[in-house]
Amino acid sequence: MSDPFVMEGLETARPFREGAALVTDVDFGIFSITGKDAASFLHRQLSNEIRNLEVDQGVPTCFLNREGRILLYFTLWRTPEGYRALLAGKQKGDFIPLLDRVLFAEDVRIQGLSESLTALILGGPNAGSTLSRASGGVGLELAPHRVYSLNLGGASVDVYSVDWLACPTYVLAPPTGAFEQVVDSLLSAGATRSTLEAFHVLRIEKGSPWPEFEVDESMIPFECGLGEVASVTKGCYVGQEIISRMHHLGKPPRLLVGLVIEGQAVPERGAPVLAGTTEVGKVLSAAFSDHIDRVLATTSIRRKFAQPGTELQVGEMKALVQPFPLA
């Protein structure tokens, strides 16, 4: 597609709904964070609880500025050696420079792993059984926000369990030289090739915020559906004062909601969302859902207009505010 921010999704997302969908054209950065001060450093800088993570356990988290606005949104896992961070899109280029700015005398080493590791997505109701067949396992159970090491296609592959879709979803990190053999092993085990566009259709249906779409530097976590990743109990971290104030007031100026839009034309990202002639938000992501045969969108909207059932407009099209999931 010419515009990467308009998710038309006209092709079926059936492998994500009925089987095991394999997406290989993904844009992730994987980083290791090690050193004796890594736990305390990350705990002071990031918005979620970090220090008490178990080995192989992960959490979604944000790195905020002092105004509580989101500079980075990613998932962090504890490993035996330290931590692994998974970042999407252009954030992968921002990760090390942003953390280096607040790293002083601590014993912390941050290393990008893009030269040695690649990434792909496997998702769908049969994703777990596909991994089990591909790895020779029996009854493989992969809990959310956990990381596992599996043998796939003769290579040791870290498998990160994520909750971005309503179906089981995993990010696999094969060694660069073993990418094709890992893909072949998954296809032989029953996976079906799919696309990033199809992935985003299901992501929008669930209402999962995504960097560069729902999440950017203009947002605070409560405005883009990420209130749960900003702790109000763990103590001081960058932006914590704003987060605590917003939590106790309970009234963020905007809320992330879904829109169900009439017709089949998918609006562009940034299209105004109107109440009469007043702009109350902008389209952040949009897709045609093959599941309910409707156009869906996300928007961070003024809270006055965020009640389910509120009728708005996107261009000439009527749009109804709906809670997530949208389908």
C-alpha atoms as a PDB file:
ATOM      1  CA  MET A   1       0.000   0.000   0.000  1.00  0.00           C
ATOM      2  CA  SER A   2       1.226   3.486  -0.746  1.00  0.00           C
ATOM      3  CA  ASP A   3       0.308   4.895   2.653  1.00  0.00           C
ATOM      4  CA  PRO A   4       1.522   2.664   5.518  1.00  0.00           C
ATOM      5  CA  PHE A   5      -0.841   4.344   7.973  1.00  0.00           C
ATOM      6  CA  VAL A   6      -4.064   3.435   6.106  1.00  0.00           C
ATOM      7  CA  MET A   7      -4.916  -0.167   6.890  1.00  0.00           C
ATOM      8  CA  GLU A   8      -7.401  -1.091   4.169  1.00  0.00           C
ATOM      9  CA  GLY A   9      -7.398  -4.778   5.089  1.00  0.00           C
ATOM     10  CA  LEU A  10      -9.531  -5.825   2.103  1.00  0.00           C
ATOM     11  CA  GLU A  11      -7.862  -9.224   1.992  1.00  0.00           C
ATOM     12  CA  THR A  12      -9.157 -11.810   4.401  1.00  0.00           C
ATOM     13  CA  ALA A  13      -7.566 -12.179   7.814  1.00  0.00           C
ATOM     14  CA  ARG A  14      -8.852 -15.761   7.989  1.00  0.00           C
ATOM     15  CA  PRO A  15      -5.527 -17.362   9.026  1.00  0.00           C
ATOM     16  CA  PHE A  16      -5.525 -15.151  12.139  1.00  0.00           C
ATOM     17  CA  ARG A  17      -9.128 -16.140  12.894  1.00  0.00           C
ATOM     18  CA  GLU A  18      -9.150 -19.835  12.064  1.00  0.00           C
ATOM     19  CA  GLY A  19      -5.590 -21.126  11.852  1.00  0.00           C
ATOM     20  CA  ALA A  20      -2.029 -19.892  12.350  1.00  0.00           C
ATOM     21  CA  ALA A  21      -1.015 -16.767  10.412  1.00  0.00           C
ATOM     22  CA  LEU A  22       2.664 -16.148   9.689  1.00  0.00           C
ATOM     23  CA  VAL A  23       3.827 -12.573   8.995  1.00  0.00           C
ATOM     24  CA  THR A  24       7.432 -12.100   7.917  1.00  0.00           C
ATOM     25  CA  ASP A  25       7.436  -8.437   6.755  1.00  0.00           C
ATOM     26  CA  VAL A  26       7.633  -6.962  10.261  1.00  0.00           C
ATOM     27  CA  ASP A  27       9.679  -4.040  11.564  1.00  0.00           C
ATOM     28  CA  PHE A  28      10.886  -4.769  15.096  1.00  0.00           C
ATOM     29  CA  GLY A  29      14.014  -3.964  17.015  1.00  0.00           C
ATOM     30  CA  ILE A  30      15.254  -6.312  19.760  1.00  0.00           C
ATOM     31  CA  PHE A  31      17.642  -5.033  22.420  1.00  0.00           C
ATOM     32  CA  SER A  32      19.476  -6.535  25.374  1.00  0.00           C
ATOM     33  CA  ILE A  33      19.943  -4.572  28.602  1.00  0.00           C
ATOM     34  CA  THR A  34      22.512  -6.013  30.983  1.00  0.00           C
ATOM     35  CA  GLY A  35      24.775  -4.960  33.855  1.00  0.00           C
ATOM     36  CA  LYS A  36      24.500  -5.077  37.629  1.00  0.00           C
ATOM     37  CA  ASP A  37      22.478  -1.836  37.727  1.00  0.00           C
ATOM     38  CA  ALA A  38      20.088  -2.745  34.889  1.00  0.00           C
ATOM     39  CA  ALA A  39      17.133  -3.638  37.149  1.00  0.00           C
ATOM     40  CA  SER A  40      17.295  -0.481  39.270  1.00  0.00           C
ATOM     41  CA  PHE A  41      17.967   1.737  36.232  1.00  0.00           C
ATOM     42  CA  LEU A  42      14.992   0.418  34.263  1.00  0.00           C
ATOM     43  CA  HIS A  43      12.765   0.519  37.326  1.00  0.00           C
ATOM     44  CA  ARG A  44      13.536   4.227  37.826  1.00  0.00           C
ATOM     45  CA  GLN A  45      13.051   5.135  34.168  1.00  0.00           C
ATOM     46  CA  LEU A  46      10.082   3.079  32.982  1.00  0.00           C
ATOM     47  CA  SER A  47       6.406   3.408  33.850  1.00  0.00           C
ATOM     48  CA  ASN A  48       5.558  -0.168  34.804  1.00  0.00           C
ATOM     49  CA  GLU A  49       6.724  -2.458  37.589  1.00  0.00           C
ATOM     50  CA  ILE A  50      10.111  -3.837  36.530  1.00  0.00           C
ATOM     51  CA  ARG A  51      12.132  -4.835  39.569  1.00  0.00           C
ATOM     52  CA  ASN A  52       9.962  -7.799  40.592  1.00  0.00           C
ATOM     53  CA  LEU A  53       9.748  -9.473  37.177  1.00  0.00           C
ATOM     54  CA  GLU A  54      10.560 -13.174  37.194  1.00  0.00           C
ATOM     55  CA  VAL A  55      12.988 -14.626  34.673  1.00  0.00           C
ATOM     56  CA  ASP A  56      11.149 -15.133  31.334  1.00  0.00           C
ATOM     57  CA  GLN A  57       8.315 -12.800  32.407  1.00  0.00           C
ATOM     58  CA  GLY A  58       7.532  -9.557  30.577  1.00  0.00           C
ATOM     59  CA  VAL A  59       5.420  -6.416  30.840  1.00  0.00           C
ATOM     60  CA  PRO A  60       4.389  -3.646  28.452  1.00  0.00           C
ATOM     61  CA  THR A  61       5.817  -0.326  29.597  1.00  0.00           C
ATOM     62  CA  CYS A  62       6.481   3.283  28.579  1.00  0.00           C
ATOM     63  CA  PHE A  63       9.401   5.649  28.777  1.00  0.00           C
ATOM     64  CA  LEU A  64       7.892   9.072  29.441  1.00  0.00           C
ATOM     65  CA  ASN A  65       9.126  12.630  29.450  1.00  0.00           C
ATOM     66  CA  ARG A  66       8.674  14.887  32.475  1.00  0.00           C
ATOM     67  CA  GLU A  67       5.247  15.964  31.209  1.00  0.00           C
ATOM     68  CA  GLY A  68       4.098  12.331  31.227  1.00  0.00           C
ATOM     69  CA  ARG A  69       4.060  12.081  27.433  1.00  0.00           C
ATOM     70  CA  ILE A  70       5.119   8.871  25.735  1.00  0.00           C
ATOM     71  CA  LEU A  71       8.561   8.767  24.152  1.00  0.00           C
ATOM     72  CA  LEU A  72       8.651   4.961  23.874  1.00  0.00           C
ATOM     73  CA  TYR A  73       6.066   2.189  24.253  1.00  0.00           C
ATOM     74  CA  PHE A  74       7.373  -1.375  24.179  1.00  0.00           C
ATOM     75  CA  THR A  75       7.477  -4.738  25.939  1.00  0.00           C
ATOM     76  CA  LEU A  76      10.301  -5.679  28.277  1.00  0.00           C
ATOM     77  CA  TRP A  77      11.175  -9.241  29.352  1.00  0.00           C
ATOM     78  CA  ARG A  78      13.425 -10.434  32.153  1.00  0.00           C
ATOM     79  CA  THR A  79      16.027 -12.960  30.994  1.00  0.00           C
ATOM     80  CA  PRO A  80      18.700 -14.938  32.884  1.00  0.00           C
ATOM     81  CA  GLU A  81      21.306 -12.430  31.642  1.00  0.00           C
ATOM     82  CA  GLY A  82      19.290  -9.238  32.143  1.00  0.00           C
ATOM     83  CA  TYR A  83      16.432  -7.914  30.001  1.00  0.00           C
ATOM     84  CA  ARG A  84      15.186  -7.956  26.402  1.00  0.00           C
ATOM     85  CA  ALA A  85      13.182  -5.102  24.876  1.00  0.00           C
ATOM     86  CA  LEU A  86      10.991  -5.428  21.779  1.00  0.00           C
ATOM     87  CA  LEU A  87      10.218  -2.181  19.930  1.00  0.00           C
ATOM     88  CA  ALA A  88       8.142  -1.572  16.809  1.00  0.00           C
ATOM     89  CA  GLY A  89       8.757   0.814  13.916  1.00  0.00           C
ATOM     90  CA  LYS A  90      10.894   3.926  14.196  1.00  0.00           C
ATOM     91  CA  GLN A  91      11.097   3.523  17.989  1.00  0.00           C
ATOM     92  CA  LYS A  92      13.888   1.018  17.463  1.00  0.00           C
ATOM     93  CA  GLY A  93      16.105   3.863  16.286  1.00  0.00           C
ATOM     94  CA  ASP A  94      15.181   6.013  19.285  1.00  0.00           C
ATOM     95  CA  PHE A  95      15.646   3.425  22.035  1.00  0.00           C
ATOM     96  CA  ILE A  96      19.388   3.613  22.708  1.00  0.00           C
ATOM     97  CA  PRO A  97      19.735   7.422  22.256  1.00  0.00           C
ATOM     98  CA  LEU A  98      16.824   8.148  24.617  1.00  0.00           C
ATOM     99  CA  LEU A  99      18.057   5.824  27.365  1.00  0.00           C
ATOM    100  CA  ASP A 100      21.652   6.970  26.918  1.00  0.00           C
ATOM    101  CA  ARG A 101      20.520  10.505  27.803  1.00  0.00           C
ATOM    102  CA  VAL A 102      19.556   9.373  31.313  1.00  0.00           C
ATOM    103  CA  LEU A 103      22.372   6.860  31.793  1.00  0.00           C
ATOM    104  CA  PHE A 104      25.291   8.233  33.819  1.00  0.00           C
ATOM    105  CA  ALA A 105      27.579   6.213  36.100  1.00  0.00           C
ATOM    106  CA  GLU A 106      25.366   3.099  36.296  1.00  0.00           C
ATOM    107  CA  ASP A 107      26.688  -0.275  35.191  1.00  0.00           C
ATOM    108  CA  VAL A 108      24.201  -0.751  32.334  1.00  0.00           C
ATOM    109  CA  ARG A 109      24.906  -1.956  28.796  1.00  0.00           C
ATOM    110  CA  ILE A 110      22.309  -1.561  26.037  1.00  0.00           C
ATOM    111  CA  GLN A 111      22.917  -3.429  22.797  1.00  0.00           C
ATOM    112  CA  GLY A 112      20.884  -3.687  19.606  1.00  0.00           C
ATOM    113  CA  LEU A 113      20.555  -7.239  18.310  1.00  0.00           C
ATOM    114  CA  SER A 114      19.283  -6.526  14.785  1.00  0.00           C
ATOM    115  CA  GLU A 115      22.461  -7.861  13.138  1.00  0.00           C
ATOM    116  CA  SER A 116      22.126 -11.261  14.816  1.00  0.00           C
ATOM    117  CA  LEU A 117      18.343 -11.633  15.162  1.00  0.00           C
ATOM    118  CA  THR A 118      15.364 -11.193  12.841  1.00  0.00           C
ATOM    119  CA  ALA A 119      11.661 -11.209  13.756  1.00  0.00           C
ATOM    120  CA  LEU A 120       8.311 -12.526  12.584  1.00  0.00           C
ATOM    121  CA  ILE A 121       4.762 -12.780  13.936  1.00  0.00           C
ATOM    122  CA  LEU A 122       2.765 -15.981  14.401  1.00  0.00           C
ATOM    123  CA  GLY A 123      -0.855 -15.550  15.482  1.00  0.00           C
ATOM    124  CA  GLY A 124      -4.201 -17.330  15.520  1.00  0.00           C
ATOM    125  CA  PRO A 125      -6.105 -19.988  17.482  1.00  0.00           C
ATOM    126  CA  ASN A 126      -3.743 -22.692  16.179  1.00  0.00           C
ATOM    127  CA  ALA A 127      -0.519 -20.736  16.688  1.00  0.00           C
ATOM    128  CA  GLY A 128       0.420 -22.661  19.848  1.00  0.00           C
ATOM    129  CA  SER A 129      -0.208 -26.081  18.301  1.00  0.00           C
ATOM    130  CA  THR A 130       1.747 -25.018  15.201  1.00  0.00           C
ATOM    131  CA  LEU A 131       4.724 -24.103  17.374  1.00  0.00           C
ATOM    132  CA  SER A 132       4.343 -27.410  19.181  1.00  0.00           C
ATOM    133  CA  ARG A 133       4.437 -29.406  15.936  1.00  0.00           C
ATOM    134  CA  ALA A 134       7.316 -27.367  14.533  1.00  0.00           C
ATOM    135  CA  SER A 135       9.405 -27.818  17.679  1.00  0.00           C
ATOM    136  CA  GLY A 136       8.485 -31.429  18.374  1.00  0.00           C
ATOM    137  CA  GLY A 137       6.754 -30.453  21.593  1.00  0.00           C
ATOM    138  CA  VAL A 138       3.527 -31.911  22.954  1.00  0.00           C
ATOM    139  CA  GLY A 139       0.713 -29.725  24.317  1.00  0.00           C
ATOM    140  CA  LEU A 140       2.873 -26.604  24.322  1.00  0.00           C
ATOM    141  CA  GLU A 141       1.361 -23.916  26.572  1.00  0.00           C
ATOM    142  CA  LEU A 142       2.648 -20.383  26.051  1.00  0.00           C
ATOM    143  CA  ALA A 143       1.271 -17.963  28.635  1.00  0.00           C
ATOM    144  CA  PRO A 144       0.928 -14.237  27.815  1.00  0.00           C
ATOM    145  CA  HIS A 145       3.981 -12.018  28.395  1.00  0.00           C
ATOM    146  CA  ARG A 146       6.390 -14.914  28.673  1.00  0.00           C
ATOM    147  CA  VAL A 147       9.459 -15.769  26.618  1.00  0.00           C
ATOM    148  CA  TYR A 148      10.440 -19.309  25.674  1.00  0.00           C
ATOM    149  CA  SER A 149      13.318 -20.827  23.741  1.00  0.00           C
ATOM    150  CA  LEU A 150      12.268 -23.430  21.167  1.00  0.00           C
ATOM    151  CA  ASN A 151      14.135 -25.442  18.555  1.00  0.00           C
ATOM    152  CA  LEU A 152      12.617 -24.551  15.178  1.00  0.00           C
ATOM    153  CA  GLY A 153      14.138 -25.685  11.901  1.00  0.00           C
ATOM    154  CA  GLY A 154      17.300 -26.729  13.716  1.00  0.00           C
ATOM    155  CA  ALA A 155      17.802 -23.282  15.299  1.00  0.00           C
ATOM    156  CA  SER A 156      17.264 -22.039  18.846  1.00  0.00           C
ATOM    157  CA  VAL A 157      14.542 -19.374  18.631  1.00  0.00           C
ATOM    158  CA  ASP A 158      13.220 -17.083  21.370  1.00  0.00           C
ATOM    159  CA  VAL A 159       9.408 -16.934  21.287  1.00  0.00           C
ATOM    160  CA  TYR A 160       7.842 -13.887  22.932  1.00  0.00           C
ATOM    161  CA  SER A 161       4.162 -14.200  23.847  1.00  0.00           C
ATOM    162  CA  VAL A 162       2.201 -10.941  23.430  1.00  0.00           C
ATOM    163  CA  ASP A 163      -1.427  -9.879  23.905  1.00  0.00           C
ATOM    164  CA  TRP A 164      -1.882  -7.551  20.917  1.00  0.00           C
ATOM    165  CA  LEU A 165      -4.725  -9.568  19.357  1.00  0.00           C
ATOM    166  CA  ALA A 166      -7.750 -11.450  20.678  1.00  0.00           C
ATOM    167  CA  CYS A 167      -6.090 -14.690  19.507  1.00  0.00           C
ATOM    168  CA  PRO A 168      -2.787 -16.180  20.773  1.00  0.00           C
ATOM    169  CA  THR A 169       0.054 -14.143  19.266  1.00  0.00           C
ATOM    170  CA  TYR A 170       3.828 -14.574  19.332  1.00  0.00           C
ATOM    171  CA  VAL A 171       6.889 -12.718  18.107  1.00  0.00           C
ATOM    172  CA  LEU A 172       9.646 -15.112  17.100  1.00  0.00           C
ATOM    173  CA  ALA A 173      13.286 -13.996  16.959  1.00  0.00           C
ATOM    174  CA  PRO A 174      15.234 -16.416  14.756  1.00  0.00           C
ATOM    175  CA  PRO A 175      18.968 -15.994  14.199  1.00  0.00           C
ATOM    176  CA  THR A 176      19.543 -14.027  10.997  1.00  0.00           C
ATOM    177  CA  GLY A 177      21.120 -16.965   9.199  1.00  0.00           C
ATOM    178  CA  ALA A 178      18.281 -19.325  10.128  1.00  0.00           C
ATOM    179  CA  PHE A 179      15.318 -17.143   9.149  1.00  0.00           C
ATOM    180  CA  GLU A 180      14.262 -19.090   6.047  1.00  0.00           C
ATOM    181  CA  GLN A 181      14.585 -22.506   7.668  1.00  0.00           C
ATOM    182  CA  VAL A 182      12.482 -21.346  10.632  1.00  0.00           C
ATOM    183  CA  VAL A 183       9.829 -19.997   8.263  1.00  0.00           C
ATOM    184  CA  ASP A 184       9.829 -23.284   6.347  1.00  0.00           C
ATOM    185  CA  SER A 185       9.440 -25.290   9.560  1.00  0.00           C
ATOM    186  CA  LEU A 186       6.406 -23.225  10.583  1.00  0.00           C
ATOM    187  CA  LEU A 187       4.790 -23.517   7.140  1.00  0.00           C
ATOM    188  CA  SER A 188       5.369 -27.276   7.192  1.00  0.00           C
ATOM    189  CA  ALA A 189       3.717 -27.414  10.622  1.00  0.00           C
ATOM    190  CA  GLY A 190       0.537 -25.766   9.286  1.00  0.00           C
ATOM    191  CA  ALA A 191       1.112 -21.999   9.366  1.00  0.00           C
ATOM    192  CA  THR A 192      -0.276 -19.899   6.507  1.00  0.00           C
ATOM    193  CA  ARG A 193       1.445 -16.783   5.176  1.00  0.00           C
ATOM    194  CA  SER A 194      -0.393 -13.555   5.956  1.00  0.00           C
ATOM    195  CA  THR A 195       0.381  -9.830   5.947  1.00  0.00           C
ATOM    196  CA  LEU A 196       1.017  -7.007   8.356  1.00  0.00           C
ATOM    197  CA  GLU A 197      -2.167  -5.352   7.041  1.00  0.00           C
ATOM    198  CA  ALA A 198      -4.195  -8.374   8.155  1.00  0.00           C
ATOM    199  CA  PHE A 199      -2.476  -8.261  11.560  1.00  0.00           C
ATOM    200  CA  HIS A 200      -3.501  -4.630  11.989  1.00  0.00           C
ATOM    201  CA  VAL A 201      -7.129  -5.430  11.130  1.00  0.00           C
ATOM    202  CA  LEU A 202      -7.311  -7.698  14.182  1.00  0.00           C
ATOM    203  CA  ARG A 203      -5.286  -5.261  16.287  1.00  0.00           C
ATOM    204  CA  ILE A 204      -7.788  -2.481  15.553  1.00  0.00           C
ATOM    205  CA  GLU A 205     -10.698  -4.816  16.310  1.00  0.00           C
ATOM    206  CA  LYS A 206      -9.235  -5.496  19.767  1.00  0.00           C
ATOM    207  CA  GLY A 207      -8.214  -1.868  20.321  1.00  0.00           C
ATOM    208  CA  SER A 208      -4.541  -2.462  21.074  1.00  0.00           C
ATOM    209  CA  PRO A 209      -2.562   0.806  20.836  1.00  0.00           C
ATOM    210  CA  TRP A 210       0.402   0.741  18.462  1.00  0.00           C
ATOM    211  CA  PRO A 211       3.461   3.019  18.229  1.00  0.00           C
ATOM    212  CA  GLU A 212       3.182   5.646  15.460  1.00  0.00           C
ATOM    213  CA  PHE A 213      -0.562   5.006  15.202  1.00  0.00           C
ATOM    214  CA  GLU A 214      -2.295   5.442  18.570  1.00  0.00           C
ATOM    215  CA  VAL A 215       0.890   6.182  20.525  1.00  0.00           C
ATOM    216  CA  ASP A 216       3.195   9.165  20.012  1.00  0.00           C
ATOM    217  CA  GLU A 217       4.872  12.007  21.894  1.00  0.00           C
ATOM    218  CA  SER A 218       1.650  14.023  22.071  1.00  0.00           C
ATOM    219  CA  MET A 219      -0.048  11.357  24.215  1.00  0.00           C
ATOM    220  CA  ILE A 220      -0.068  10.514  27.884  1.00  0.00           C
ATOM    221  CA  PRO A 221      -0.853   6.847  28.660  1.00  0.00           C
ATOM    222  CA  PHE A 222      -4.437   7.488  29.800  1.00  0.00           C
ATOM    223  CA  GLU A 223      -5.283   9.147  26.471  1.00  0.00           C
ATOM    224  CA  CYS A 224      -4.316   6.173  24.310  1.00  0.00           C
ATOM    225  CA  GLY A 225      -5.512   3.156  26.279  1.00  0.00           C
ATOM    226  CA  LEU A 226      -2.284   2.557  28.193  1.00  0.00           C
ATOM    227  CA  GLY A 227      -3.325   3.543  31.705  1.00  0.00           C
ATOM    228  CA  GLU A 228      -2.557   0.036  32.982  1.00  0.00           C
ATOM    229  CA  VAL A 229       1.114   0.231  31.996  1.00  0.00           C
ATOM    230  CA  ALA A 230       1.714   3.361  34.104  1.00  0.00           C
ATOM    231  CA  SER A 231       2.147   2.432  37.758  1.00  0.00           C
ATOM    232  CA  VAL A 232       0.782   4.716  40.456  1.00  0.00           C
ATOM    233  CA  THR A 233       2.240   2.648  43.333  1.00  0.00           C
ATOM    234  CA  LYS A 234       5.895   1.887  42.596  1.00  0.00           C
ATOM    235  CA  GLY A 235       7.369   5.281  43.459  1.00  0.00           C
ATOM    236  CA  CYS A 236       9.391   7.773  41.488  1.00  0.00           C
ATOM    237  CA  TYR A 237      10.018   7.460  37.751  1.00  0.00           C
ATOM    238  CA  VAL A 238      10.178  10.014  34.955  1.00  0.00           C
ATOM    239  CA  GLY A 239       6.693  11.483  34.444  1.00  0.00           C
ATOM    240  CA  GLN A 240       5.295   9.792  37.557  1.00  0.00           C
ATOM    241  CA  GLU A 241       3.953  13.006  39.108  1.00  0.00           C
ATOM    242  CA  ILE A 242       1.758  13.714  36.084  1.00  0.00           C
ATOM    243  CA  ILE A 243       0.575  10.092  35.953  1.00  0.00           C
ATOM    244  CA  SER A 244      -0.323  10.113  39.658  1.00  0.00           C
ATOM    245  CA  ARG A 245      -2.199  13.407  39.364  1.00  0.00           C
ATOM    246  CA  MET A 246      -4.156  12.197  36.329  1.00  0.00           C
ATOM    247  CA  HIS A 247      -4.966   8.889  38.042  1.00  0.00           C
ATOM    248  CA  HIS A 248      -6.348  10.548  41.164  1.00  0.00           C
ATOM    249  CA  LEU A 249      -8.300  13.155  39.224  1.00  0.00           C
ATOM    250  CA  GLY A 250      -9.644  10.388  36.972  1.00  0.00           C
ATOM    251  CA  LYS A 251     -10.334  12.730  34.075  1.00  0.00           C
ATOM    252  CA  PRO A 252      -7.885  12.574  31.174  1.00  0.00           C
ATOM    253  CA  PRO A 253      -8.927  15.097  28.518  1.00  0.00           C
ATOM    254  CA  ARG A 254      -9.090  12.405  25.821  1.00  0.00           C
ATOM    255  CA  LEU A 255      -9.862   8.691  25.672  1.00  0.00           C
ATOM    256  CA  LEU A 256      -9.033   6.026  23.091  1.00  0.00           C
ATOM    257  CA  VAL A 257     -12.251   4.661  21.571  1.00  0.00           C
ATOM    258  CA  GLY A 258     -13.347   2.718  18.544  1.00  0.00           C
ATOM    259  CA  LEU A 259     -15.457   3.936  15.644  1.00  0.00           C
ATOM    260  CA  VAL A 260     -17.718   1.857  13.425  1.00  0.00           C
ATOM    261  CA  ILE A 261     -18.038   3.806  10.172  1.00  0.00           C
ATOM    262  CA  GLU A 262     -20.740   3.444   7.551  1.00  0.00           C
ATOM    263  CA  GLY A 263     -19.838   2.400   4.008  1.00  0.00           C
ATOM    264  CA  GLN A 264     -16.706   0.584   2.846  1.00  0.00           C
ATOM    265  CA  ALA A 265     -14.291   3.462   2.202  1.00  0.00           C
ATOM    266  CA  VAL A 266     -11.397   3.381   4.681  1.00  0.00           C
ATOM    267  CA  PRO A 267     -10.498   6.906   5.918  1.00  0.00           C
ATOM    268  CA  GLU A 268      -6.905   8.042   5.955  1.00  0.00           C
ATOM    269  CA  ARG A 269      -4.935   8.380   9.146  1.00  0.00           C
ATOM    270  CA  GLY A 270      -5.383  11.929  10.430  1.00  0.00           C
ATOM    271  CA  ALA A 271      -8.865  12.395   8.954  1.00  0.00           C
ATOM    272  CA  PRO A 272     -10.898  14.695  11.255  1.00  0.00           C
ATOM    273  CA  VAL A 273     -13.534  13.155  13.504  1.00  0.00           C
ATOM    274  CA  LEU A 274     -16.398  15.631  13.793  1.00  0.00           C
ATOM    275  CA  ALA A 275     -19.295  16.331  16.121  1.00  0.00           C
ATOM    276  CA  GLY A 276     -21.356  18.538  13.856  1.00  0.00           C
ATOM    277  CA  THR A 277     -18.808  21.025  12.566  1.00  0.00           C
ATOM    278  CA  THR A 278     -16.478  20.682  15.592  1.00  0.00           C
ATOM    279  CA  GLU A 279     -13.370  18.528  15.331  1.00  0.00           C
ATOM    280  CA  VAL A 280     -13.173  16.304  18.415  1.00  0.00           C
ATOM    281  CA  GLY A 281     -10.416  13.922  17.322  1.00  0.00           C
ATOM    282  CA  LYS A 282      -8.573  12.380  14.394  1.00  0.00           C
ATOM    283  CA  VAL A 283      -8.523   8.903  12.879  1.00  0.00           C
ATOM    284  CA  LEU A 284      -5.446   7.095  14.207  1.00  0.00           C
ATOM    285  CA  SER A 285      -5.845   3.671  12.575  1.00  0.00           C
ATOM    286  CA  ALA A 286      -8.506   2.401  10.191  1.00  0.00           C
ATOM    287  CA  ALA A 287      -9.294  -0.906   8.507  1.00  0.00           C
ATOM    288  CA  PHE A 288     -12.040  -2.773   6.728  1.00  0.00           C
ATOM    289  CA  SER A 289     -12.977  -5.717   8.967  1.00  0.00           C
ATOM    290  CA  ASP A 290     -13.773  -8.837   6.972  1.00  0.00           C
ATOM    291  CA  HIS A 291     -15.172 -10.311  10.198  1.00  0.00           C
ATOM    292  CA  ILE A 292     -18.134  -7.933  10.558  1.00  0.00           C
ATOM    293  CA  ASP A 293     -18.053  -6.384   7.059  1.00  0.00           C
ATOM    294  CA  ARG A 294     -17.640  -2.864   8.421  1.00  0.00           C
ATOM    295  CA  VAL A 295     -15.004  -0.125   8.451  1.00  0.00           C
ATOM    296  CA  LEU A 296     -13.397   0.298  11.874  1.00  0.00           C
ATOM    297  CA  ALA A 297     -11.158   3.008  13.256  1.00  0.00           C
ATOM    298  CA  THR A 298      -9.455   4.131  16.432  1.00  0.00           C
ATOM    299  CA  THR A 299      -9.412   7.700  17.688  1.00  0.00           C
ATOM    300  CA  SER A 300      -8.314   9.522  20.826  1.00  0.00           C
ATOM    301  CA  ILE A 301     -11.317  11.719  21.380  1.00  0.00           C
ATOM    302  CA  ARG A 302     -12.445  14.439  23.753  1.00  0.00           C
ATOM    303  CA  ARG A 303     -14.026  12.620  26.685  1.00  0.00           C
ATOM    304  CA  LYS A 304     -17.324  14.490  26.314  1.00  0.00           C
ATOM    305  CA  PHE A 305     -17.884  12.600  23.044  1.00  0.00           C
ATOM    306  CA  ALA A 306     -16.439   9.235  24.101  1.00  0.00           C
ATOM    307  CA  GLN A 307     -19.623   7.587  25.354  1.00  0.00           C
ATOM    308  CA  PRO A 308     -20.597   4.395  23.444  1.00  0.00           C
ATOM    309  CA  GLY A 309     -23.336   5.084  20.923  1.00  0.00           C
ATOM    310  CA  THR A 310     -22.330   8.708  20.307  1.00  0.00           C
ATOM    311  CA  GLU A 311     -22.879   9.551  16.636  1.00  0.00           C
ATOM    312  CA  LEU A 312     -20.029  11.409  14.955  1.00  0.00           C
ATOM    313  CA  GLN A 313     -18.776  11.912  11.416  1.00  0.00           C
ATOM    314  CA  VAL A 314     -15.618  11.119   9.471  1.00  0.00           C
ATOM    315  CA  GLY A 315     -15.861  13.127   6.269  1.00  0.00           C
ATOM    316  CA  GLU A 316     -19.366  12.506   4.948  1.00  0.00           C
ATOM    317  CA  MET A 317     -19.625   9.152   6.717  1.00  0.00           C
ATOM    318  CA  LYS A 318     -21.487   8.518   9.958  1.00  0.00           C
ATOM    319  CA  ALA A 319     -19.388   6.968  12.708  1.00  0.00           C
ATOM    320  CA  LEU A 320     -20.620   5.424  15.958  1.00  0.00           C
ATOM    321  CA  VAL A 321     -18.431   5.389  19.068  1.00  0.00           C
ATOM    322  CA  GLN A 322     -18.066   1.809  20.317  1.00  0.00           C
ATOM    323  CA  PRO A 323     -16.102   0.221  23.180  1.00  0.00           C
ATOM    324  CA  PHE A 324     -13.355  -2.285  22.425  1.00  0.00           C
ATOM    325  CA  PRO A 325     -13.324  -4.972  21.200  1.00  0.00           C
ATOM    326  CA  LEU A 326     -15.029  -3.782  18.022  1.00  0.00           C
ATOM    327  CA  ALA A 327     -15.494  -7.269  16.567  1.00  0.00           C
END
